C-alpha atoms as a PDB file:
ATOM      1  CA  MET A   1    -112.561 144.965 -86.882  1.00  0.00           C
ATOM      2  CA  ILE A   2    -111.679 141.862 -88.887  1.00  0.00           C
ATOM      3  CA  ILE A   3    -114.380 140.728 -91.303  1.00  0.00           C
ATOM      4  CA  PRO A   4    -114.192 136.969 -91.985  1.00  0.00           C
ATOM      5  CA  TRP A   5    -113.969 136.503 -95.759  1.00  0.00           C
ATOM      6  CA  GLN A   6    -116.371 133.563 -95.410  1.00  0.00           C
ATOM      7  CA  SER A   7    -119.103 135.920 -94.163  1.00  0.00           C
ATOM      8  CA  LEU A   8    -119.220 137.831 -97.448  1.00  0.00           C
ATOM      9  CA  GLU A   9    -121.327 136.834-100.432  1.00  0.00           C
ATOM     10  CA  PRO A  10    -119.055 135.433-103.173  1.00  0.00           C
ATOM     11  CA  ASP A  11    -119.823 138.330-105.560  1.00  0.00           C
ATOM     12  CA  THR A  12    -119.141 140.898-102.838  1.00  0.00           C
ATOM     13  CA  LEU A  13    -115.834 139.246-101.955  1.00  0.00           C
ATOM     14  CA  GLN A  14    -114.846 139.134-105.627  1.00  0.00           C
ATOM     15  CA  ARG A  15    -115.605 142.853-106.132  1.00  0.00           C
ATOM     16  CA  LEU A  16    -113.809 143.798-102.910  1.00  0.00           C
ATOM     17  CA  VAL A  17    -110.673 141.921-103.929  1.00  0.00           C
ATOM     18  CA  GLU A  18    -110.795 143.331-107.472  1.00  0.00           C
ATOM     19  CA  GLN A  19    -111.074 146.863-106.098  1.00  0.00           C
ATOM     20  CA  PHE A  20    -108.174 146.209-103.716  1.00  0.00           C
ATOM     21  CA  VAL A  21    -105.971 144.838-106.496  1.00  0.00           C
ATOM     22  CA  LEU A  22    -106.765 147.755-108.812  1.00  0.00           C
ATOM     23  CA  MET A  23    -106.036 150.340-106.098  1.00  0.00           C
ATOM     24  CA  GLU A  24    -102.977 148.816-104.478  1.00  0.00           C
ATOM     25  CA  GLY A  25    -100.512 149.360-107.356  1.00  0.00           C
ATOM     26  CA  THR A  26     -98.006 146.733-106.226  1.00  0.00           C
ATOM     27  CA  ASP A  27     -95.274 145.642-108.614  1.00  0.00           C
ATOM     28  CA  TYR A  28     -95.542 141.914-109.218  1.00  0.00           C
ATOM     29  CA  GLY A  29     -92.024 141.517-110.593  1.00  0.00           C
ATOM     30  CA  GLU A  30     -90.675 141.091-114.106  1.00  0.00           C
ATOM     31  CA  GLN A  31     -93.663 139.155-115.397  1.00  0.00           C
ATOM     32  CA  GLU A  32     -96.876 141.158-115.567  1.00  0.00           C
ATOM     33  CA  SER A  33     -99.856 139.373-114.028  1.00  0.00           C
ATOM     34  CA  THR A  34    -103.440 139.617-115.220  1.00  0.00           C
ATOM     35  CA  LEU A  35    -106.152 141.066-113.012  1.00  0.00           C
ATOM     36  CA  ALA A  36    -107.593 137.562-112.625  1.00  0.00           C
ATOM     37  CA  ASP A  37    -104.218 136.203-111.473  1.00  0.00           C
ATOM     38  CA  LYS A  38    -103.780 139.015-108.955  1.00  0.00           C
ATOM     39  CA  VAL A  39    -107.318 138.539-107.620  1.00  0.00           C
ATOM     40  CA  GLU A  40    -106.752 134.795-107.250  1.00  0.00           C
ATOM     41  CA  THR A  41    -103.505 135.456-105.362  1.00  0.00           C
ATOM     42  CA  VAL A  42    -105.295 137.717-102.870  1.00  0.00           C
ATOM     43  CA  LEU A  43    -108.196 135.251-102.502  1.00  0.00           C
ATOM     44  CA  THR A  44    -105.694 132.486-101.772  1.00  0.00           C
ATOM     45  CA  GLN A  45    -104.005 134.677 -99.146  1.00  0.00           C
ATOM     46  CA  LEU A  46    -107.380 135.318 -97.494  1.00  0.00           C
ATOM     47  CA  ARG A  47    -108.267 131.600 -97.506  1.00  0.00           C
ATOM     48  CA  GLN A  48    -104.888 130.693 -96.013  1.00  0.00           C
ATOM     49  CA  GLY A  49    -105.123 133.362 -93.326  1.00  0.00           C
ATOM     50  CA  VAL A  50    -102.105 135.230 -94.661  1.00  0.00           C
ATOM     51  CA  ALA A  51    -104.270 138.307 -95.279  1.00  0.00           C
ATOM     52  CA  VAL A  52    -107.394 139.595 -93.552  1.00  0.00           C
ATOM     53  CA  ILE A  53    -110.233 141.961 -94.410  1.00  0.00           C
ATOM     54  CA  VAL A  54    -110.396 144.880 -91.995  1.00  0.00           C
ATOM     55  CA  TYR A  55    -113.237 147.360 -91.557  1.00  0.00           C
ATOM     56  CA  SER A  56    -112.432 150.735 -90.013  1.00  0.00           C
ATOM     57  CA  GLU A  57    -115.364 152.427 -88.330  1.00  0.00           C
ATOM     58  CA  LEU A  58    -113.269 155.545 -87.922  1.00  0.00           C
ATOM     59  CA  HIS A  59    -112.585 155.830 -91.657  1.00  0.00           C
ATOM     60  CA  GLU A  60    -115.693 153.946 -92.797  1.00  0.00           C
ATOM     61  CA  SER A  61    -113.539 151.882 -95.104  1.00  0.00           C
ATOM     62  CA  VAL A  62    -112.559 148.304 -95.820  1.00  0.00           C
ATOM     63  CA  ASN A  63    -109.032 147.170 -96.575  1.00  0.00           C
ATOM     64  CA  ILE A  64    -107.108 143.938 -97.017  1.00  0.00           C
ATOM     65  CA  VAL A  65    -103.932 143.741 -94.957  1.00  0.00           C
ATOM     66  CA  PRO A  66    -101.300 141.117 -94.172  1.00  0.00           C
ATOM     67  CA  ALA A  67    -102.453 139.168 -91.127  1.00  0.00           C
ATOM     68  CA  ASP A  68     -99.070 139.451 -89.438  1.00  0.00           C
ATOM     69  CA  ARG A  69     -99.279 143.254 -89.506  1.00  0.00           C
ATOM     70  CA  PHE A  70    -102.706 143.409 -87.913  1.00  0.00           C
ATOM     71  CA  ASP A  71    -102.848 143.273 -84.143  1.00  0.00           C
ATOM     72  CA  SER A  72    -106.165 141.557 -83.448  1.00  0.00           C
ATOM     73  CA  SER A  73    -106.364 143.266 -80.058  1.00  0.00           C
ATOM     74  CA  TRP A  74    -106.328 146.671 -81.767  1.00  0.00           C
ATOM     75  CA  THR A  75    -109.413 148.750 -81.267  1.00  0.00           C
ATOM     76  CA  GLU A  76    -110.365 152.019 -82.810  1.00  0.00           C
ATOM     77  CA  HIS A  77    -110.817 155.141 -80.746  1.00  0.00           C
ATOM     78  CA  PRO A  78    -113.323 157.755 -81.933  1.00  0.00           C
END
């Protein structure tokens, strides 16, 4: 299920994105980015609809994924 980023309290959204950035371990190229820069990049992607927040009932977890890789008709099966 997609969770609209606008439905989250600002502090909750901030902590979710920070946790995602810290766990994802992506290489950002030659120049190292700060945590704040990485968080702002993800927030921008959420605002632009490039990324979405997804809740999995099956795994009881929340993740941020690229919007083009998430099939909005997907449903979980218990």
